[in-house]
N, C-alpha and C. Protein backbone atom coordinates (compact mmCIF):
# COMPACT_ATOMS: atom_id res chain seq x y z
N MET A 1 -3.73 -55.73 4.43
CA MET A 1 -3.10 -54.49 5.26
C MET A 1 -4.05 -54.16 6.25
N SER A 2 -3.70 -53.88 7.82
CA SER A 2 -4.32 -53.76 8.78
C SER A 2 -5.44 -52.45 8.65
N SER A 3 -6.37 -52.35 9.50
CA SER A 3 -7.24 -51.15 9.66
C SER A 3 -6.47 -49.77 10.04
N LYS A 4 -5.51 -50.13 10.85
CA LYS A 4 -4.94 -48.80 11.61
C LYS A 4 -4.01 -48.58 10.51
N LYS A 5 -3.33 -49.24 9.33
CA LYS A 5 -2.26 -48.40 8.10
C LYS A 5 -3.33 -47.79 7.31
N LYS A 6 -4.41 -48.38 6.91
CA LYS A 6 -5.42 -47.51 6.02
C LYS A 6 -5.70 -46.56 6.71
N ILE A 7 -6.35 -46.50 7.75
CA ILE A 7 -6.55 -45.16 8.53
C ILE A 7 -5.44 -44.37 8.45
N GLY A 8 -4.35 -44.26 8.44
CA GLY A 8 -3.17 -43.86 8.52
C GLY A 8 -3.02 -43.02 7.49
N ILE A 9 -3.03 -43.97 6.25
CA ILE A 9 -2.75 -43.82 5.23
C ILE A 9 -4.34 -42.48 4.42
N VAL A 10 -5.38 -42.72 4.84
CA VAL A 10 -6.41 -41.90 4.56
C VAL A 10 -6.10 -40.39 5.51
N ILE A 11 -5.49 -40.63 6.29
CA ILE A 11 -5.29 -39.11 6.96
C ILE A 11 -4.19 -38.36 6.68
N VAL A 12 -3.25 -39.11 5.96
CA VAL A 12 -1.86 -38.65 5.41
C VAL A 12 -2.60 -37.93 3.92
N VAL A 13 -3.28 -38.74 3.39
CA VAL A 13 -3.57 -38.21 2.09
C VAL A 13 -4.53 -37.20 2.16
N ALA A 14 -5.51 -37.18 3.11
CA ALA A 14 -6.26 -35.71 3.74
C ALA A 14 -5.66 -35.04 4.11
N VAL A 15 -4.69 -34.98 4.88
CA VAL A 15 -3.61 -33.75 5.13
C VAL A 15 -3.09 -33.07 3.79
N LEU A 16 -2.42 -33.91 3.10
CA LEU A 16 -1.93 -33.48 1.79
C LEU A 16 -2.61 -32.67 0.93
N ALA A 17 -3.87 -33.39 0.66
CA ALA A 17 -4.89 -32.68 -0.15
C ALA A 17 -5.46 -31.63 0.49
N ILE A 18 -5.64 -31.19 1.87
CA ILE A 18 -5.84 -29.98 2.12
C ILE A 18 -4.73 -28.85 2.26
N THR A 19 -3.71 -29.00 2.31
CA THR A 19 -2.33 -28.43 2.47
C THR A 19 -2.50 -28.08 0.83
N PHE A 20 -2.39 -29.00 -0.34
CA PHE A 20 -2.30 -28.66 -1.38
C PHE A 20 -3.23 -27.53 -1.97
N MET A 21 -4.91 -27.67 -1.36
CA MET A 21 -5.99 -26.69 -1.76
C MET A 21 -5.66 -25.52 -0.75
N THR A 22 -5.05 -25.75 0.23
CA THR A 22 -4.73 -24.10 0.84
C THR A 22 -3.64 -23.27 0.38
N VAL A 23 -2.64 -24.06 -0.44
CA VAL A 23 -1.71 -23.52 -1.03
C VAL A 23 -2.30 -22.86 -2.56
N ALA A 24 -2.81 -23.92 -3.19
CA ALA A 24 -3.57 -23.47 -4.38
C ALA A 24 -3.93 -21.84 -4.27
N PHE A 25 -5.34 -21.81 -3.12
CA PHE A 25 -5.91 -20.82 -2.66
C PHE A 25 -5.08 -19.55 -2.41
N LEU A 26 -4.15 -19.53 -1.80
CA LEU A 26 -3.18 -18.86 -1.41
C LEU A 26 -2.75 -18.02 -2.82
N THR A 27 -1.96 -18.98 -3.54
CA THR A 27 -1.19 -18.27 -4.53
C THR A 27 -1.96 -17.50 -6.05
N THR A 28 -3.54 -18.13 -5.31
CA THR A 28 -3.92 -17.32 -6.73
C THR A 28 -4.48 -16.22 -6.32
N GLN A 29 -4.78 -15.45 -4.90
CA GLN A 29 -4.90 -14.57 -4.39
C GLN A 29 -3.94 -13.21 -4.73
N THR A 30 -4.32 -12.33 -5.23
CA THR A 30 -3.77 -11.33 -5.66
C THR A 30 -3.42 -10.14 -4.54
N ASN A 31 -2.06 -9.53 -4.16
CA ASN A 31 -2.29 -8.48 -3.51
C ASN A 31 -2.55 -7.38 -4.25
N THR A 32 -3.55 -6.37 -3.16
CA THR A 32 -3.80 -5.31 -3.62
C THR A 32 -3.05 -3.60 -2.92
N ASP A 33 -3.03 -3.23 -3.78
CA ASP A 33 -2.28 -1.76 -3.46
C ASP A 33 -3.39 -0.64 -3.00
N TYR A 34 -3.53 -0.14 -1.88
CA TYR A 34 -4.10 1.01 -1.05
C TYR A 34 -3.43 2.15 -0.70
N TYR A 35 -3.73 3.43 -0.75
CA TYR A 35 -3.58 4.64 -0.50
C TYR A 35 -3.70 5.38 0.49
N THR A 36 -2.83 5.88 1.26
CA THR A 36 -2.81 6.66 2.43
C THR A 36 -2.39 7.77 2.88
N GLN A 37 -3.18 8.56 3.55
CA GLN A 37 -2.25 9.66 4.18
C GLN A 37 -2.08 9.37 5.73
N ILE A 38 -0.79 9.56 6.18
CA ILE A 38 -0.28 9.64 7.61
C ILE A 38 -0.87 10.53 8.52
N ASP A 39 -1.61 10.26 9.45
CA ASP A 39 -2.34 11.27 10.45
C ASP A 39 -1.66 10.50 11.84
N ASN A 40 -0.65 11.12 12.28
CA ASN A 40 -0.14 10.59 13.72
C ASN A 40 -0.96 10.86 15.04
N ARG A 41 -2.29 11.16 14.75
CA ARG A 41 -3.30 11.33 15.76
C ARG A 41 -3.66 9.67 15.97
N TRP A 42 -3.27 9.03 14.56
CA TRP A 42 -4.08 7.59 15.02
C TRP A 42 -2.60 6.35 15.26
N VAL A 43 -2.00 7.22 15.51
CA VAL A 43 -0.76 5.82 15.89
C VAL A 43 -0.52 5.51 17.25
N THR A 44 -0.55 4.46 17.75
CA THR A 44 -0.35 3.75 19.24
C THR A 44 0.75 2.81 19.16
N ASP A 45 1.33 3.20 20.43
CA ASP A 45 2.45 2.62 21.10
C ASP A 45 1.97 0.93 21.22
N ILE A 46 2.91 0.11 20.75
CA ILE A 46 2.61 -1.24 20.98
C ILE A 46 3.70 -1.96 21.63
N ALA A 47 3.36 -3.26 22.46
CA ALA A 47 4.49 -3.95 22.78
C ALA A 47 5.58 -4.45 21.75
N PRO A 48 6.76 -3.83 21.73
CA PRO A 48 7.35 -4.58 20.96
C PRO A 48 7.46 -5.75 20.56
N HIS A 49 7.43 -6.07 19.22
CA HIS A 49 7.56 -7.70 18.89
C HIS A 49 8.62 -7.61 17.40
N GLY A 50 9.91 -8.15 17.14
CA GLY A 50 10.57 -7.88 16.14
C GLY A 50 10.84 -6.51 16.43
N ALA A 51 10.77 -5.72 14.97
CA ALA A 51 11.09 -4.28 15.13
C ALA A 51 9.83 -3.44 14.91
N MET A 52 8.87 -3.85 15.35
CA MET A 52 7.76 -3.13 15.07
C MET A 52 7.34 -2.45 16.89
N ASN A 53 7.30 -1.33 16.42
CA ASN A 53 6.87 -0.77 18.21
C ASN A 53 5.72 0.22 17.97
N TYR A 54 5.14 0.24 16.49
CA TYR A 54 3.98 1.13 16.74
C TYR A 54 2.85 0.80 15.77
N LYS A 55 1.71 0.85 15.56
CA LYS A 55 0.70 0.79 14.58
C LYS A 55 -0.30 1.45 14.62
N TYR A 56 -0.69 1.22 13.24
CA TYR A 56 -1.39 2.33 12.57
C TYR A 56 -2.75 2.06 11.96
N THR A 57 -3.95 2.75 12.13
CA THR A 57 -5.06 2.22 11.64
C THR A 57 -5.55 3.60 10.88
N LEU A 58 -5.91 3.42 9.28
CA LEU A 58 -5.83 4.57 8.78
C LEU A 58 -7.12 4.05 7.70
N VAL A 59 -7.85 5.34 7.17
CA VAL A 59 -8.38 4.65 6.13
C VAL A 59 -7.63 5.14 4.96
N ALA A 60 -7.68 3.97 3.93
CA ALA A 60 -7.07 3.76 2.62
C ALA A 60 -7.90 3.60 1.71
N TYR A 61 -7.58 3.88 0.10
CA TYR A 61 -8.23 3.81 -0.66
C TYR A 61 -7.84 2.97 -1.71
N ASP A 62 -8.31 2.12 -2.63
CA ASP A 62 -7.94 1.43 -3.95
C ASP A 62 -8.06 2.22 -5.07
N GLU A 63 -7.58 2.21 -6.33
CA GLU A 63 -7.00 2.43 -7.16
C GLU A 63 -8.70 3.36 -7.52
N SER A 64 -9.61 2.48 -7.13
CA SER A 64 -11.03 3.01 -7.78
C SER A 64 -11.71 4.23 -6.66
N GLY A 65 -11.11 4.40 -5.96
CA GLY A 65 -11.30 5.45 -4.61
C GLY A 65 -12.03 5.02 -3.52
N ASN A 66 -12.12 3.24 -3.57
CA ASN A 66 -12.84 2.82 -2.31
C ASN A 66 -12.46 2.51 -1.12
N ALA A 67 -13.01 3.14 -0.37
CA ALA A 67 -12.69 3.17 1.34
C ALA A 67 -12.07 1.89 1.95
N LYS A 68 -11.30 1.44 2.79
CA LYS A 68 -11.13 0.58 3.62
C LYS A 68 -10.49 0.86 4.70
N ASP A 69 -10.57 0.76 6.08
CA ASP A 69 -9.85 0.94 7.18
C ASP A 69 -8.56 -0.50 7.10
N VAL A 70 -7.25 0.01 7.41
CA VAL A 70 -6.12 -0.62 7.04
C VAL A 70 -5.57 -0.57 8.28
N THR A 71 -4.82 -1.22 8.88
CA THR A 71 -4.00 -1.48 9.95
C THR A 71 -2.66 -2.30 9.81
N PHE A 72 -1.94 -1.24 10.38
CA PHE A 72 -0.23 -1.89 9.71
C PHE A 72 0.57 -1.29 11.07
N GLU A 73 1.86 -2.28 11.30
CA GLU A 73 2.83 -1.96 12.07
C GLU A 73 3.90 -1.13 11.47
N THR A 74 4.47 -0.51 12.23
CA THR A 74 5.78 0.08 11.80
C THR A 74 6.86 0.05 12.97
N SER A 75 8.10 0.40 12.83
CA SER A 75 9.22 0.37 13.38
C SER A 75 9.47 1.84 14.26
N LYS A 76 8.87 2.75 13.15
CA LYS A 76 8.93 4.33 13.89
C LYS A 76 7.73 5.21 13.58
N VAL A 77 7.75 6.15 13.97
CA VAL A 77 6.76 7.05 14.05
C VAL A 77 6.88 7.56 12.45
N LEU A 78 5.89 7.59 11.65
CA LEU A 78 6.04 7.91 10.10
C LEU A 78 5.88 9.49 10.35
N THR A 79 6.24 10.09 9.25
CA THR A 79 6.08 11.60 8.90
C THR A 79 4.75 11.91 8.80
N ASP A 80 4.17 12.59 9.72
CA ASP A 80 2.95 13.23 9.62
C ASP A 80 2.85 13.58 7.98
N GLY A 81 1.35 13.55 7.23
CA GLY A 81 1.01 14.18 6.05
C GLY A 81 1.70 13.45 4.94
N ALA A 82 2.32 12.46 5.10
CA ALA A 82 3.11 11.53 4.14
C ALA A 82 1.98 10.60 3.45
N TYR A 83 2.02 10.43 2.15
CA TYR A 83 1.31 9.55 1.52
C TYR A 83 2.18 8.03 1.11
N LEU A 84 1.17 7.20 1.45
CA LEU A 84 1.67 6.04 1.39
C LEU A 84 0.83 5.06 0.45
N CYS A 85 1.87 4.05 -0.54
CA CYS A 85 1.23 2.88 -0.88
C CYS A 85 1.53 1.69 -0.20
N LEU A 86 0.27 1.11 0.46
CA LEU A 86 0.44 0.01 1.25
C LEU A 86 -0.06 -1.31 0.42
N ARG A 87 0.83 -1.96 0.28
CA ARG A 87 0.41 -3.63 -0.47
C ARG A 87 -0.08 -4.27 0.42
N VAL A 88 -1.32 -4.76 0.21
CA VAL A 88 -2.36 -5.66 1.14
C VAL A 88 -2.59 -6.90 0.69
N ALA A 89 -2.09 -8.23 1.25
CA ALA A 89 -2.71 -9.25 0.97
C ALA A 89 -3.47 -10.07 1.15
N PRO A 90 -4.35 -10.94 1.04
CA PRO A 90 -5.45 -11.68 1.48
C PRO A 90 -4.79 -12.41 2.78
N ILE A 91 -5.62 -12.14 3.93
CA ILE A 91 -5.36 -13.12 5.28
C ILE A 91 -3.98 -12.26 6.26
N ARG A 92 -2.73 -11.81 5.04
CA ARG A 92 -1.59 -11.10 5.84
C ARG A 92 -1.87 -9.61 6.35
N GLY A 93 -2.62 -9.46 5.40
CA GLY A 93 -2.56 -7.69 5.68
C GLY A 93 -1.25 -7.03 5.05
N VAL A 94 -1.05 -5.94 5.27
CA VAL A 94 0.02 -5.08 4.56
C VAL A 94 1.00 -5.72 5.09
N VAL A 95 1.74 -6.10 3.79
CA VAL A 95 3.11 -6.58 3.50
C VAL A 95 4.36 -5.95 3.34
N THR A 96 3.80 -4.57 2.50
CA THR A 96 5.00 -3.80 2.42
C THR A 96 4.02 -2.54 2.41
N TRP A 97 5.19 -1.37 2.39
CA TRP A 97 4.57 -0.15 2.30
C TRP A 97 5.56 0.84 1.57
N ALA A 98 5.28 2.05 0.97
CA ALA A 98 5.87 2.78 0.34
C ALA A 98 5.85 3.87 0.53
N GLU A 99 6.40 5.13 0.78
CA GLU A 99 6.23 6.52 0.75
C GLU A 99 6.29 7.23 -0.70
N MET A 100 4.96 7.86 -1.00
CA MET A 100 5.20 8.44 -2.35
C MET A 100 4.53 9.75 -2.33
N GLN A 101 4.55 10.46 -3.70
CA GLN A 101 4.47 12.04 -3.39
C GLN A 101 2.98 12.28 -4.13
N PHE A 102 2.02 13.44 -3.63
CA PHE A 102 0.63 13.21 -4.20
C PHE A 102 0.54 13.32 -5.65
N ASP A 103 1.25 13.73 -6.56
CA ASP A 103 0.86 13.30 -7.58
C ASP A 103 1.25 12.25 -8.46
N GLU A 104 1.83 11.24 -7.60
CA GLU A 104 1.86 9.86 -8.15
C GLU A 104 0.83 8.81 -7.92
N LEU A 105 -0.14 9.68 -6.70
CA LEU A 105 -1.08 8.89 -6.48
C LEU A 105 -2.30 8.67 -7.65
N PRO A 106 -3.11 7.34 -7.64
CA PRO A 106 -4.01 7.61 -8.66
C PRO A 106 -5.27 8.56 -8.77
N SER A 107 -5.36 9.07 -9.76
CA SER A 107 -6.14 10.52 -9.83
C SER A 107 -7.46 10.38 -8.92
N SER A 108 -8.24 8.96 -8.73
CA SER A 108 -9.31 8.46 -7.74
C SER A 108 -8.92 8.98 -6.29
N VAL A 109 -7.81 8.77 -5.97
CA VAL A 109 -7.53 8.89 -4.64
C VAL A 109 -6.76 10.30 -4.25
N GLN A 110 -6.56 10.78 -5.56
CA GLN A 110 -6.29 12.48 -5.42
C GLN A 110 -7.01 13.09 -4.85
N GLU A 111 -8.25 12.60 -5.43
CA GLU A 111 -9.72 13.41 -5.34
C GLU A 111 -9.92 13.40 -3.90
N LYS A 112 -9.76 12.38 -3.17
CA LYS A 112 -9.88 12.04 -1.49
C LYS A 112 -9.17 12.84 -0.90
N TYR A 113 -8.24 13.38 -1.36
CA TYR A 113 -7.20 14.28 -0.74
C TYR A 113 -7.03 15.39 -0.72
N LYS A 114 -7.22 15.81 -2.04
CA LYS A 114 -7.49 17.62 -2.89
C LYS A 114 -6.72 18.49 -1.76
N GLU A 115 -5.07 18.37 -2.25
CA GLU A 115 -4.51 19.31 -1.56
C GLU A 115 -4.53 20.87 -1.83
């Protein structure tokens, strides 16, 4: 077997191994739910891409009440004061969000917003 073929085989095996390890890593990472309240003072217009026209950066809390700045994009300006559950994936960021009522928030998060 020529050295060019050996090098080609090594490269293919290396690429496959790296791809497998990356997929394995990403599938073991879990999404985390964060909770926030919409404050339209923090919405900005962005250049449209797909259906997304607006960007929010808000403080959000996990179930334990730990704070984190979370940025996500939307197709419309959301209802000021509404509570959201943001599903945050490693690397990808916010993958879904859903509006919820204050009494549906974890108690540690309710303490942060006390109505």
